[in-house]
N, C-alpha and C. Protein backbone atom coordinates (compact mmCIF):
# COMPACT_ATOMS: atom_id res chain seq x y z
N MET A 1 -44.15 22.48 -67.11
CA MET A 1 -43.97 22.21 -65.56
C MET A 1 -42.43 21.59 -65.52
N GLN A 2 -42.52 19.98 -66.54
CA GLN A 2 -41.09 19.50 -66.17
C GLN A 2 -40.20 19.83 -66.56
N GLU A 3 -40.17 21.13 -67.39
CA GLU A 3 -38.77 21.90 -67.87
C GLU A 3 -38.53 22.96 -66.66
N ILE A 4 -39.09 23.50 -65.95
CA ILE A 4 -39.29 24.16 -65.13
C ILE A 4 -38.73 23.66 -63.77
N LEU A 5 -39.55 22.28 -63.67
CA LEU A 5 -38.52 21.38 -62.29
C LEU A 5 -37.15 21.53 -62.72
N VAL A 6 -36.65 20.66 -63.93
CA VAL A 6 -35.25 20.28 -64.62
C VAL A 6 -34.43 21.53 -64.37
N GLN A 7 -34.96 22.61 -64.50
CA GLN A 7 -33.97 24.09 -64.83
C GLN A 7 -33.65 24.26 -63.31
N THR A 8 -35.01 24.63 -62.12
CA THR A 8 -34.13 24.62 -61.32
C THR A 8 -33.79 24.01 -60.24
N LEU A 9 -33.77 22.44 -60.38
CA LEU A 9 -32.97 21.34 -60.39
C LEU A 9 -31.18 22.16 -60.54
N ALA A 10 -31.26 21.89 -61.77
CA ALA A 10 -30.16 22.67 -62.45
C ALA A 10 -29.24 24.21 -61.44
N HIS A 11 -30.15 25.11 -61.24
CA HIS A 11 -30.26 26.24 -60.79
C HIS A 11 -29.50 26.14 -59.44
N ILE A 12 -30.14 25.11 -58.66
CA ILE A 12 -29.89 24.79 -57.34
C ILE A 12 -28.33 24.02 -57.49
N GLN A 13 -27.91 23.24 -58.29
CA GLN A 13 -26.84 22.43 -58.36
C GLN A 13 -25.61 23.23 -58.55
N LEU A 14 -26.02 24.05 -59.63
CA LEU A 14 -25.18 24.87 -60.17
C LEU A 14 -24.49 26.43 -59.03
N SER A 15 -25.60 26.84 -58.44
CA SER A 15 -25.25 27.54 -57.20
C SER A 15 -24.77 27.01 -55.97
N VAL A 16 -25.10 25.80 -55.51
CA VAL A 16 -24.87 25.46 -54.54
C VAL A 16 -23.12 24.81 -54.78
N LEU A 17 -22.80 24.54 -55.91
CA LEU A 17 -21.64 23.78 -56.57
C LEU A 17 -20.31 25.10 -56.24
N GLY A 18 -20.85 26.07 -56.95
CA GLY A 18 -19.95 27.22 -57.19
C GLY A 18 -19.92 27.74 -55.17
N VAL A 19 -20.73 27.76 -54.76
CA VAL A 19 -20.01 28.68 -53.20
C VAL A 19 -19.29 26.86 -52.45
N ILE A 20 -19.68 25.72 -52.52
CA ILE A 20 -18.88 24.78 -51.84
C ILE A 20 -17.40 24.82 -52.38
N LEU A 21 -17.14 25.29 -53.71
CA LEU A 21 -15.83 25.55 -54.20
C LEU A 21 -15.18 26.70 -53.13
N GLY A 22 -16.14 27.78 -53.49
CA GLY A 22 -15.39 29.38 -52.31
C GLY A 22 -15.62 28.64 -51.07
N VAL A 23 -16.31 27.70 -50.35
CA VAL A 23 -15.94 27.32 -48.67
C VAL A 23 -14.57 26.31 -48.98
N ILE A 24 -14.35 25.75 -49.85
CA ILE A 24 -13.43 24.43 -49.74
C ILE A 24 -12.10 25.16 -49.68
N ILE A 25 -12.04 26.55 -50.60
CA ILE A 25 -10.88 27.75 -50.55
C ILE A 25 -11.04 29.00 -49.84
N GLY A 26 -12.25 29.33 -49.26
CA GLY A 26 -12.50 30.42 -48.73
C GLY A 26 -12.16 30.52 -46.97
N VAL A 27 -12.76 29.21 -46.49
CA VAL A 27 -12.24 29.10 -45.01
C VAL A 27 -11.11 28.76 -44.90
N PRO A 28 -10.25 27.76 -45.26
CA PRO A 28 -8.93 27.51 -45.05
C PRO A 28 -8.11 29.03 -45.15
N LEU A 29 -8.47 29.79 -46.36
CA LEU A 29 -7.41 30.98 -46.92
C LEU A 29 -8.08 32.28 -45.50
N GLY A 30 -9.24 31.91 -45.27
CA GLY A 30 -9.96 32.85 -43.88
C GLY A 30 -9.13 32.56 -42.93
N ILE A 31 -8.72 31.10 -42.38
CA ILE A 31 -7.94 31.28 -40.82
C ILE A 31 -6.43 31.23 -41.35
N LEU A 32 -6.12 31.25 -42.68
CA LEU A 32 -4.52 31.43 -42.91
C LEU A 32 -4.38 33.15 -42.66
N ILE A 33 -4.73 33.98 -43.27
CA ILE A 33 -4.65 35.27 -43.08
C ILE A 33 -4.70 35.78 -41.55
N ASN A 34 -5.27 35.01 -40.92
CA ASN A 34 -5.28 35.10 -39.65
C ASN A 34 -4.10 35.76 -38.77
N ASN A 35 -3.59 37.24 -38.10
CA ASN A 35 -2.35 37.41 -37.54
C ASN A 35 -1.61 37.35 -38.32
N ARG A 36 -2.14 37.70 -39.65
CA ARG A 36 -0.93 37.66 -40.53
C ARG A 36 -1.36 38.89 -41.33
N PRO A 37 -1.21 40.43 -40.65
CA PRO A 37 -2.00 41.79 -41.15
C PRO A 37 -1.71 41.86 -42.78
N LYS A 38 -0.18 41.59 -43.65
CA LYS A 38 -0.20 41.84 -44.61
C LYS A 38 -0.34 41.24 -45.71
N LEU A 39 -0.85 39.90 -45.57
CA LEU A 39 -1.38 39.14 -46.28
C LEU A 39 -2.80 38.96 -46.28
N ALA A 40 -3.41 39.40 -45.30
CA ALA A 40 -4.55 39.70 -45.40
C ALA A 40 -5.25 40.92 -45.73
N GLN A 41 -4.01 41.89 -45.80
CA GLN A 41 -4.70 42.90 -46.78
C GLN A 41 -4.96 42.53 -47.95
N ILE A 42 -3.66 42.02 -48.46
CA ILE A 42 -3.62 41.22 -49.68
C ILE A 42 -4.99 40.39 -50.36
N VAL A 43 -5.11 39.70 -49.46
CA VAL A 43 -6.08 38.94 -49.72
C VAL A 43 -7.69 39.51 -50.19
N MET A 44 -7.82 40.61 -48.93
CA MET A 44 -8.81 41.04 -48.71
C MET A 44 -9.35 42.05 -50.27
N ASN A 45 -8.55 43.00 -50.33
CA ASN A 45 -8.32 43.75 -51.21
C ASN A 45 -8.75 42.86 -52.68
N THR A 46 -7.97 41.67 -52.65
CA THR A 46 -8.53 40.90 -54.29
C THR A 46 -9.76 40.28 -54.33
N THR A 47 -10.03 40.10 -53.11
CA THR A 47 -11.59 39.78 -52.91
C THR A 47 -12.69 40.54 -53.32
N GLU A 48 -12.22 41.58 -52.74
CA GLU A 48 -13.09 42.86 -52.89
C GLU A 48 -12.90 43.59 -54.05
N VAL A 49 -11.36 43.25 -55.17
CA VAL A 49 -11.80 43.90 -57.10
C VAL A 49 -12.47 42.59 -57.12
N LEU A 50 -12.56 41.65 -57.11
CA LEU A 50 -13.05 40.53 -58.01
C LEU A 50 -14.70 40.66 -57.49
N GLN A 51 -15.50 41.02 -56.31
CA GLN A 51 -16.98 41.29 -56.37
C GLN A 51 -16.91 42.54 -56.75
N THR A 52 -16.36 43.72 -57.36
CA THR A 52 -16.63 45.05 -58.25
C THR A 52 -16.93 44.45 -59.82
N ILE A 53 -16.22 43.44 -60.05
CA ILE A 53 -15.85 43.30 -61.76
C ILE A 53 -17.89 42.90 -62.45
N PRO A 54 -18.01 43.81 -62.98
CA PRO A 54 -19.27 43.42 -63.39
C PRO A 54 -20.13 41.50 -64.03
N VAL A 55 -20.97 41.03 -63.32
CA VAL A 55 -21.20 39.79 -63.99
C VAL A 55 -20.73 39.10 -65.21
N LEU A 56 -21.56 40.54 -66.25
CA LEU A 56 -21.46 39.73 -67.53
C LEU A 56 -20.26 39.73 -67.46
N ALA A 57 -19.34 41.02 -67.72
CA ALA A 57 -18.50 41.16 -67.60
C ALA A 57 -17.13 39.92 -67.06
N MET A 58 -17.09 39.59 -65.79
CA MET A 58 -17.27 38.58 -65.63
C MET A 58 -16.84 37.13 -66.36
N LEU A 59 -18.28 36.87 -66.87
CA LEU A 59 -18.60 35.54 -67.74
C LEU A 59 -17.89 35.80 -69.07
N ALA A 60 -18.01 36.77 -69.67
CA ALA A 60 -17.47 37.02 -70.06
C ALA A 60 -15.26 36.84 -70.96
N LEU A 61 -15.25 37.11 -69.82
CA LEU A 61 -13.65 36.76 -69.41
C LEU A 61 -13.37 35.54 -69.36
N LEU A 62 -14.06 34.81 -68.66
CA LEU A 62 -13.74 33.18 -68.06
C LEU A 62 -14.24 32.52 -69.25
N MET A 63 -15.27 33.11 -70.05
CA MET A 63 -15.38 32.61 -71.40
C MET A 63 -14.53 32.38 -72.60
N MET A 64 -13.49 32.96 -72.27
CA MET A 64 -12.26 32.96 -73.49
C MET A 64 -11.67 32.41 -72.82
N ILE A 65 -11.38 31.83 -71.53
CA ILE A 65 -10.79 31.13 -71.01
C ILE A 65 -11.20 29.74 -71.11
N LEU A 66 -12.68 29.49 -70.43
CA LEU A 66 -12.93 28.06 -70.24
C LEU A 66 -13.75 27.63 -71.27
N GLY A 67 -14.39 28.84 -72.17
CA GLY A 67 -15.30 28.68 -73.01
C GLY A 67 -17.13 28.81 -72.44
N LEU A 68 -17.55 28.23 -73.23
CA LEU A 68 -19.29 28.50 -73.20
C LEU A 68 -19.66 26.90 -71.95
N GLY A 69 -20.79 27.36 -70.94
CA GLY A 69 -21.10 26.12 -70.10
C GLY A 69 -21.07 26.47 -68.95
N ASP A 70 -21.39 25.19 -68.26
CA ASP A 70 -21.61 24.96 -66.92
C ASP A 70 -20.43 25.63 -65.76
N THR A 71 -19.37 24.65 -66.36
CA THR A 71 -17.68 25.42 -66.30
C THR A 71 -17.64 26.88 -65.94
N THR A 72 -17.67 27.31 -66.78
CA THR A 72 -17.77 28.74 -66.83
C THR A 72 -18.46 29.61 -65.33
N LEU A 73 -19.73 29.05 -65.61
CA LEU A 73 -20.35 29.88 -64.66
C LEU A 73 -20.28 28.92 -63.20
N VAL A 74 -19.73 27.92 -62.92
CA VAL A 74 -19.40 27.51 -61.63
C VAL A 74 -18.31 28.42 -61.04
N VAL A 75 -17.03 28.62 -61.80
CA VAL A 75 -16.04 29.21 -61.73
C VAL A 75 -15.94 30.56 -60.84
N ALA A 76 -17.34 30.88 -61.95
CA ALA A 76 -17.62 32.88 -61.73
C ALA A 76 -18.15 32.96 -60.30
N LEU A 77 -19.18 31.78 -60.29
CA LEU A 77 -19.87 31.82 -58.96
C LEU A 77 -18.89 31.46 -57.60
N PHE A 78 -17.71 30.68 -57.84
CA PHE A 78 -16.47 30.53 -56.82
C PHE A 78 -15.93 31.76 -57.00
N LEU A 79 -15.73 32.81 -57.68
CA LEU A 79 -14.79 33.73 -57.20
C LEU A 79 -15.56 34.42 -56.74
N TYR A 80 -16.65 34.73 -56.87
CA TYR A 80 -18.04 35.64 -56.05
C TYR A 80 -18.42 35.55 -54.81
N SER A 81 -17.95 34.32 -54.55
CA SER A 81 -18.50 33.87 -53.10
C SER A 81 -17.12 34.31 -52.52
N LEU A 82 -16.19 34.19 -53.00
CA LEU A 82 -14.79 34.10 -52.01
C LEU A 82 -15.04 35.42 -51.07
N LEU A 83 -15.26 36.35 -51.59
CA LEU A 83 -15.19 38.00 -50.63
C LEU A 83 -15.80 37.76 -49.22
N PRO A 84 -17.00 37.36 -49.47
CA PRO A 84 -18.20 37.01 -47.53
C PRO A 84 -17.95 35.97 -47.11
N ILE A 85 -17.26 34.82 -47.60
CA ILE A 85 -16.65 33.78 -47.01
C ILE A 85 -15.47 34.16 -46.24
N VAL A 86 -14.72 34.57 -47.12
CA VAL A 86 -13.15 34.84 -46.74
C VAL A 86 -13.31 35.61 -45.44
N ARG A 87 -14.04 36.32 -45.88
CA ARG A 87 -14.26 37.78 -45.14
C ARG A 87 -14.69 37.50 -43.90
N ASN A 88 -15.76 36.78 -43.21
CA ASN A 88 -16.75 36.67 -42.30
C ASN A 88 -15.61 35.38 -41.41
N THR A 89 -14.94 34.53 -42.26
CA THR A 89 -14.23 33.56 -41.59
C THR A 89 -12.84 34.33 -41.11
N TYR A 90 -12.44 35.14 -41.61
CA TYR A 90 -10.97 36.00 -41.01
C TYR A 90 -11.70 36.93 -40.14
N THR A 91 -12.86 37.22 -39.94
CA THR A 91 -13.84 38.03 -38.94
C THR A 91 -13.93 37.16 -38.24
N ALA A 92 -14.41 36.25 -37.98
CA ALA A 92 -15.28 35.25 -36.86
C ALA A 92 -13.94 34.93 -35.99
N ILE A 93 -12.90 34.51 -36.46
CA ILE A 93 -11.69 33.95 -35.99
C ILE A 93 -10.85 34.87 -35.56
N LYS A 94 -10.64 36.26 -35.97
CA LYS A 94 -9.96 37.27 -34.86
C LYS A 94 -11.31 37.89 -33.91
N GLY A 95 -12.75 37.21 -34.19
CA GLY A 95 -13.22 37.88 -32.94
C GLY A 95 -13.27 37.09 -31.21
N VAL A 96 -13.26 35.66 -32.16
CA VAL A 96 -13.11 34.78 -30.51
C VAL A 96 -12.53 36.03 -29.69
N ASP A 97 -13.14 35.95 -28.50
CA ASP A 97 -12.37 36.37 -26.83
C ASP A 97 -10.82 36.20 -27.04
N SER A 98 -10.07 36.90 -26.97
CA SER A 98 -8.98 36.49 -26.22
C SER A 98 -8.42 36.12 -25.03
N GLY A 99 -9.74 36.32 -24.05
CA GLY A 99 -9.59 35.24 -22.87
C GLY A 99 -9.76 34.20 -23.26
N ILE A 100 -10.39 33.56 -24.48
CA ILE A 100 -10.22 31.97 -24.54
C ILE A 100 -9.46 31.74 -24.95
N VAL A 101 -9.01 32.09 -25.84
CA VAL A 101 -7.61 31.52 -26.57
C VAL A 101 -6.62 31.49 -26.06
N GLN A 102 -6.18 32.78 -24.75
CA GLN A 102 -5.25 32.79 -23.75
C GLN A 102 -5.29 31.07 -22.73
N ALA A 103 -7.26 30.84 -22.33
CA ALA A 103 -7.17 29.95 -21.63
C ALA A 103 -6.36 28.52 -22.19
N GLY A 104 -7.05 28.02 -23.56
CA GLY A 104 -6.88 27.31 -23.84
C GLY A 104 -5.35 27.12 -24.41
N LEU A 105 -4.75 28.24 -24.28
CA LEU A 105 -3.37 27.81 -24.68
C LEU A 105 -2.59 27.37 -23.44
N GLY A 106 -3.31 28.05 -22.28
CA GLY A 106 -2.55 27.50 -20.75
C GLY A 106 -3.56 26.38 -20.25
N MET A 107 -3.64 25.95 -21.34
CA MET A 107 -4.28 24.12 -21.08
C MET A 107 -3.06 23.28 -21.48
N GLY A 108 -2.59 24.16 -22.09
CA GLY A 108 -1.43 23.03 -23.07
C GLY A 108 -2.37 22.44 -24.45
N MET A 109 -2.93 23.81 -24.71
CA MET A 109 -3.38 22.98 -26.17
C MET A 109 -2.73 23.71 -27.47
N THR A 110 -2.28 22.61 -28.59
CA THR A 110 -1.27 23.45 -29.31
C THR A 110 -2.85 24.12 -30.65
N ARG A 111 -1.64 24.62 -31.15
CA ARG A 111 -2.72 26.29 -32.41
C ARG A 111 -4.01 25.24 -32.98
N LEU A 112 -3.39 24.28 -33.51
CA LEU A 112 -3.97 23.42 -34.66
C LEU A 112 -5.57 23.07 -33.59
N GLN A 113 -5.10 22.45 -32.15
CA GLN A 113 -5.74 21.58 -31.06
C GLN A 113 -7.03 23.03 -30.88
N LEU A 114 -6.54 24.65 -30.43
CA LEU A 114 -7.08 25.98 -30.42
C LEU A 114 -8.17 25.78 -31.71
N LEU A 115 -7.52 25.53 -32.82
CA LEU A 115 -8.87 26.09 -33.94
C LEU A 115 -9.43 25.15 -34.06
N GLN A 116 -9.37 23.66 -34.16
CA GLN A 116 -10.48 22.89 -34.07
C GLN A 116 -11.28 22.67 -33.07
N GLN A 117 -11.06 23.12 -31.95
CA GLN A 117 -11.89 22.41 -30.49
C GLN A 117 -12.40 24.08 -29.66
N VAL A 118 -11.86 25.10 -30.05
CA VAL A 118 -12.34 26.23 -29.75
C VAL A 118 -12.37 27.78 -30.45
N GLN A 119 -11.89 28.03 -31.69
CA GLN A 119 -11.88 29.13 -32.32
C GLN A 119 -13.14 28.56 -33.40
N LEU A 120 -13.08 27.29 -33.70
CA LEU A 120 -13.87 27.40 -35.08
C LEU A 120 -15.18 26.77 -34.89
N PRO A 121 -15.26 26.20 -33.51
CA PRO A 121 -17.00 25.91 -33.31
C PRO A 121 -17.43 27.27 -32.77
N LEU A 122 -17.05 28.50 -31.98
CA LEU A 122 -17.34 29.52 -31.92
C LEU A 122 -18.17 30.46 -32.92
N ALA A 123 -16.57 30.20 -34.03
CA ALA A 123 -17.00 31.13 -35.14
C ALA A 123 -17.32 30.63 -36.26
N MET A 124 -18.50 29.49 -36.05
CA MET A 124 -19.07 28.46 -36.89
C MET A 124 -20.59 30.13 -37.32
N PRO A 125 -21.18 30.16 -36.45
CA PRO A 125 -22.12 30.67 -36.71
C PRO A 125 -22.01 31.94 -37.66
N VAL A 126 -21.12 33.01 -37.44
CA VAL A 126 -20.36 34.26 -38.38
C VAL A 126 -19.99 33.42 -39.74
N ILE A 127 -19.32 32.57 -39.59
CA ILE A 127 -18.89 31.57 -41.18
C ILE A 127 -20.27 31.29 -41.78
N LEU A 128 -21.14 30.57 -40.97
CA LEU A 128 -22.44 30.54 -42.30
C LEU A 128 -22.96 31.53 -42.60
N ALA A 129 -22.65 32.78 -41.64
CA ALA A 129 -23.64 33.85 -42.17
C ALA A 129 -23.04 34.36 -43.48
N GLY A 130 -21.62 34.27 -43.38
CA GLY A 130 -20.99 34.29 -44.96
C GLY A 130 -21.55 33.34 -46.00
N ILE A 131 -21.48 32.30 -45.65
CA ILE A 131 -21.95 31.39 -46.88
C ILE A 131 -23.12 31.46 -46.91
N ARG A 132 -24.16 32.09 -46.14
CA ARG A 132 -25.55 32.24 -46.39
C ARG A 132 -25.48 33.21 -47.75
N VAL A 133 -24.51 34.49 -47.20
CA VAL A 133 -24.77 35.64 -48.35
C VAL A 133 -23.93 35.01 -49.33
N ALA A 134 -23.22 34.53 -50.01
CA ALA A 134 -22.21 33.90 -50.94
C ALA A 134 -23.40 33.33 -51.91
N LEU A 135 -24.37 32.46 -50.84
CA LEU A 135 -25.46 31.22 -51.49
C LEU A 135 -26.50 31.99 -52.07
N VAL A 136 -27.01 33.42 -51.37
CA VAL A 136 -27.97 33.98 -51.99
C VAL A 136 -28.08 34.77 -53.26
N THR A 137 -26.71 35.20 -53.07
CA THR A 137 -25.59 36.02 -54.52
C THR A 137 -25.60 35.35 -55.71
N ALA A 138 -25.41 33.79 -55.17
CA ALA A 138 -25.01 32.69 -56.20
C ALA A 138 -26.05 32.24 -57.16
N ILE A 139 -27.49 32.35 -56.18
CA ILE A 139 -28.80 31.94 -56.78
C ILE A 139 -28.62 32.83 -58.07
N ALA A 140 -28.82 34.65 -57.71
CA ALA A 140 -28.86 35.85 -58.30
C ALA A 140 -28.38 35.31 -59.78
N ILE A 141 -26.81 35.26 -59.27
CA ILE A 141 -25.73 35.05 -60.33
C ILE A 141 -26.27 33.81 -61.15
N THR A 142 -26.57 33.09 -61.08
CA THR A 142 -26.31 32.08 -62.09
C THR A 142 -27.82 31.77 -63.04
N THR A 143 -28.95 33.18 -62.90
CA THR A 143 -30.30 33.35 -63.99
C THR A 143 -29.08 34.22 -65.09
N MET A 144 -27.90 34.74 -64.92
CA MET A 144 -27.00 35.20 -65.90
C MET A 144 -26.29 34.31 -66.90
N GLY A 145 -26.42 32.84 -66.32
CA GLY A 145 -26.06 31.71 -67.31
C GLY A 145 -25.95 31.31 -68.29
N THR A 146 -27.07 31.69 -68.21
CA THR A 146 -27.58 31.45 -69.94
C THR A 146 -27.41 31.88 -71.28
N PHE A 147 -26.66 32.95 -70.91
CA PHE A 147 -25.89 34.13 -71.90
C PHE A 147 -24.09 33.23 -72.27
N ILE A 148 -23.94 32.17 -71.41
CA ILE A 148 -22.77 31.44 -71.85
C ILE A 148 -22.93 30.23 -72.04
N GLY A 149 -24.62 29.75 -72.27
CA GLY A 149 -24.92 28.42 -72.42
C GLY A 149 -24.54 27.49 -71.12
N ALA A 150 -25.20 28.15 -69.97
CA ALA A 150 -24.91 27.01 -68.97
C ALA A 150 -26.55 26.70 -68.72
N GLY A 151 -26.88 25.83 -67.71
CA GLY A 151 -28.76 25.65 -67.60
C GLY A 151 -28.75 26.52 -66.34
N GLY A 152 -29.79 26.60 -65.96
CA GLY A 152 -30.58 27.43 -64.81
C GLY A 152 -31.38 28.02 -65.25
N LEU A 153 -32.49 28.54 -64.29
CA LEU A 153 -33.96 29.39 -64.91
C LEU A 153 -33.57 30.22 -65.43
N GLY A 154 -32.30 30.71 -65.87
CA GLY A 154 -31.68 31.86 -66.57
C GLY A 154 -32.46 31.65 -68.03
N ASN A 155 -32.69 30.65 -68.13
CA ASN A 155 -32.28 30.07 -69.74
C ASN A 155 -34.15 30.35 -70.03
N SER A 156 -35.06 30.28 -69.39
CA SER A 156 -36.70 30.77 -69.03
C SER A 156 -36.88 31.72 -69.51
N ILE A 157 -35.88 32.60 -68.27
CA ILE A 157 -36.18 34.02 -68.50
C ILE A 157 -35.97 34.66 -69.66
N TRP A 158 -34.98 34.36 -70.51
CA TRP A 158 -34.05 34.51 -71.81
C TRP A 158 -34.89 34.31 -72.57
N MET A 159 -35.29 32.98 -72.78
CA MET A 159 -36.70 32.84 -73.63
C MET A 159 -38.01 33.85 -74.02
N GLY A 160 -38.27 34.04 -72.44
CA GLY A 160 -39.27 35.12 -72.63
C GLY A 160 -38.80 36.79 -73.15
N MET A 161 -37.66 36.99 -72.70
CA MET A 161 -37.35 38.14 -72.77
C MET A 161 -37.21 38.31 -74.69
N LYS A 162 -37.10 37.41 -75.35
CA LYS A 162 -36.83 37.52 -76.76
C LYS A 162 -38.36 37.38 -77.62
N ASN A 163 -39.42 36.67 -76.22
CA ASN A 163 -41.00 36.96 -76.73
C ASN A 163 -41.97 37.76 -76.30
N ILE A 164 -41.08 38.75 -75.17
CA ILE A 164 -41.54 39.64 -74.72
C ILE A 164 -43.13 40.26 -74.88
N GLU A 165 -43.58 40.41 -76.49
CA GLU A 165 -44.99 41.28 -76.79
C GLU A 165 -45.62 40.09 -77.12
N THR A 166 -45.28 38.91 -76.37
CA THR A 166 -46.59 37.61 -76.63
C THR A 166 -47.11 37.29 -74.62
N GLU A 167 -48.05 36.68 -75.02
CA GLU A 167 -48.25 35.99 -73.50
C GLU A 167 -47.70 35.00 -73.32
N LYS A 168 -46.92 34.54 -74.04
CA LYS A 168 -46.16 33.24 -73.89
C LYS A 168 -44.95 33.86 -73.45
N GLY A 169 -44.55 34.68 -73.66
CA GLY A 169 -43.05 35.48 -73.40
C GLY A 169 -43.16 35.77 -71.87
N VAL A 170 -44.43 36.22 -71.41
CA VAL A 170 -44.54 37.16 -70.14
C VAL A 170 -44.66 35.82 -68.63
N TYR A 171 -45.25 34.54 -69.41
CA TYR A 171 -45.43 33.44 -68.37
C TYR A 171 -43.74 32.89 -68.46
N MET A 172 -43.10 33.16 -69.52
CA MET A 172 -41.64 32.20 -69.44
C MET A 172 -40.87 33.39 -68.50
N ILE A 173 -41.21 34.45 -68.67
CA ILE A 173 -40.17 35.60 -67.40
C ILE A 173 -40.46 34.76 -66.60
N LEU A 174 -41.60 35.29 -66.13
CA LEU A 174 -42.12 34.68 -64.92
C LEU A 174 -42.61 33.24 -64.15
N SER A 175 -42.13 32.08 -65.04
CA SER A 175 -41.85 31.11 -64.62
C SER A 175 -40.19 30.70 -64.29
N GLY A 176 -39.87 31.43 -65.17
CA GLY A 176 -38.15 31.46 -63.98
C GLY A 176 -37.83 32.44 -63.23
N ALA A 177 -38.31 33.74 -63.05
CA ALA A 177 -37.80 34.76 -62.46
C ALA A 177 -38.34 34.00 -60.61
N ILE A 178 -39.97 33.65 -60.64
CA ILE A 178 -40.52 33.37 -59.49
C ILE A 178 -40.07 32.46 -58.91
N PRO A 179 -39.71 30.94 -59.45
CA PRO A 179 -38.51 30.09 -58.79
C PRO A 179 -37.41 30.74 -58.51
N ALA A 180 -36.84 31.08 -58.78
CA ALA A 180 -35.26 32.01 -58.72
C ALA A 180 -35.58 32.69 -57.67
N ALA A 181 -36.47 33.36 -57.09
CA ALA A 181 -36.86 34.05 -56.00
C ALA A 181 -37.19 33.86 -55.12
N LEU A 182 -38.05 32.85 -55.22
CA LEU A 182 -38.44 31.77 -54.09
C LEU A 182 -37.09 30.55 -53.50
N LEU A 183 -36.29 30.37 -54.64
CA LEU A 183 -35.19 29.78 -54.09
C LEU A 183 -33.80 30.91 -53.09
N ALA A 184 -33.81 31.99 -53.55
CA ALA A 184 -33.44 32.95 -52.79
C ALA A 184 -33.85 32.52 -51.14
N ILE A 185 -34.93 33.13 -51.59
CA ILE A 185 -36.02 33.12 -49.83
C ILE A 185 -35.59 32.19 -49.11
N ILE A 186 -36.03 31.08 -49.60
CA ILE A 186 -35.87 29.62 -49.35
C ILE A 186 -34.23 29.09 -48.70
N PHE A 187 -33.59 29.41 -49.10
CA PHE A 187 -31.91 29.39 -48.71
C PHE A 187 -31.50 30.40 -48.06
N GLU A 188 -32.24 31.80 -48.23
CA GLU A 188 -31.97 32.77 -47.11
C GLU A 188 -32.47 32.46 -45.56
N LEU A 189 -33.61 31.93 -45.73
CA LEU A 189 -34.66 31.50 -44.55
C LEU A 189 -33.71 30.32 -43.76
N GLY A 190 -33.73 29.30 -44.82
CA GLY A 190 -33.32 28.16 -44.04
C GLY A 190 -31.83 28.46 -43.54
N LEU A 191 -31.01 28.72 -44.35
CA LEU A 191 -29.60 29.13 -43.53
C LEU A 191 -29.62 29.63 -42.16
N ALA A 192 -30.29 31.60 -42.53
CA ALA A 192 -30.41 31.68 -41.41
C ALA A 192 -30.90 30.97 -40.01
N LYS A 193 -32.00 30.62 -40.41
CA LYS A 193 -32.35 28.98 -38.83
C LYS A 193 -31.18 28.32 -38.53
N PHE A 194 -30.38 27.78 -39.38
CA PHE A 194 -29.65 26.99 -39.33
C PHE A 194 -28.78 27.63 -38.48
N GLU A 195 -28.41 29.11 -38.91
CA GLU A 195 -27.35 29.60 -38.16
C GLU A 195 -27.71 29.78 -36.23
N ASP A 196 -28.77 30.31 -36.51
CA ASP A 196 -29.02 30.77 -35.39
C ASP A 196 -29.11 29.13 -34.49
N VAL A 197 -29.59 27.92 -34.43
CA VAL A 197 -29.50 26.63 -34.24
C VAL A 197 -28.30 26.11 -33.49
N VAL A 198 -27.30 26.81 -34.49
CA VAL A 198 -25.95 26.22 -34.14
C VAL A 198 -25.20 27.14 -33.15
N THR A 199 -26.02 28.30 -33.23
CA THR A 199 -24.93 29.56 -32.22
C THR A 199 -25.84 29.05 -30.60
N PRO A 200 -24.52 28.67 -29.56
CA PRO A 200 -25.18 28.29 -28.56
C PRO A 200 -25.62 29.65 -27.56
N ARG A 201 -26.62 30.02 -27.08
CA ARG A 201 -27.33 30.38 -26.60
C ARG A 201 -26.36 31.52 -25.88
N GLY A 202 -25.37 31.18 -24.77
CA GLY A 202 -24.75 32.21 -24.20
C GLY A 202 -23.89 33.08 -25.30
N LEU A 203 -23.44 32.69 -26.49
CA LEU A 203 -22.22 32.77 -27.23
C LEU A 203 -22.99 33.91 -28.36
N LYS A 204 -24.53 34.40 -28.43
CA LYS A 204 -25.65 34.95 -29.71
C LYS A 204 -24.92 36.44 -29.60
N THR A 205 -24.43 36.54 -28.69
CA THR A 205 -23.90 38.40 -28.05
C THR A 205 -22.93 38.89 -27.73
N THR A 206 -22.36 37.85 -27.06
CA THR A 206 -21.30 37.99 -26.02
C THR A 206 -19.72 37.55 -26.48
N THR A 207 -19.37 36.04 -27.17
CA THR A 207 -18.19 35.88 -27.31
C THR A 207 -17.63 36.59 -28.50
N LEU A 208 -18.78 36.71 -29.86
CA LEU A 208 -18.20 37.10 -31.12
C LEU A 208 -18.61 38.30 -31.49
N ARG A 209 -17.71 38.73 -31.77
CA ARG A 209 -17.88 40.57 -32.13
C ARG A 209 -18.35 40.05 -33.65
N ARG A 210 -19.44 40.71 -34.32
CA ARG A 210 -19.97 40.69 -35.69
C ARG A 210 -19.72 41.94 -36.22
N ASP A 211 -19.01 42.02 -37.35
CA ASP A 211 -18.19 43.40 -38.70
C ASP A 211 -19.48 43.11 -39.69
């Protein structure tokens, strides 16, 4: 039981760290490409290509560069988290009502002030939705980290698969798979609730266009 708890905590840590890196890079990138159609197309196409690479192929490629261990897994999680975070940030900023933007400019606000005080607060629910998708995806991908020597619940699943014909093997698979599934559900529901809380009631259906 203690080993499962340790693996669960490691699983959470690795998943969250990868997504945090995605937020640090993805949100500013989504803001940067706003009103830059050519750059937006390049960035979106690149992130979409990264998303189509199979997980094991991505881990194998990164392993040749970074070696075995947690670092390789975190970098992979970061790359996979970029698409939902960048896409939602870009869509959210672009989807803020143009009348509100023009009103802010008419009041003498600078572009930076407009971004900080108007666009980002209004766009935050959609950005959080992208982060939620990225985190749930990361929790699933982290189970594959066992193939490159990373921590997490994937270790129990893999050990169980190697002993699948025994009762202990089945128990080990379930002891890794069930907590991983529960983590995905908990984070999905928790972030969805947080997203709902930070969305002003009057803006849930009128201010932002969600794609």
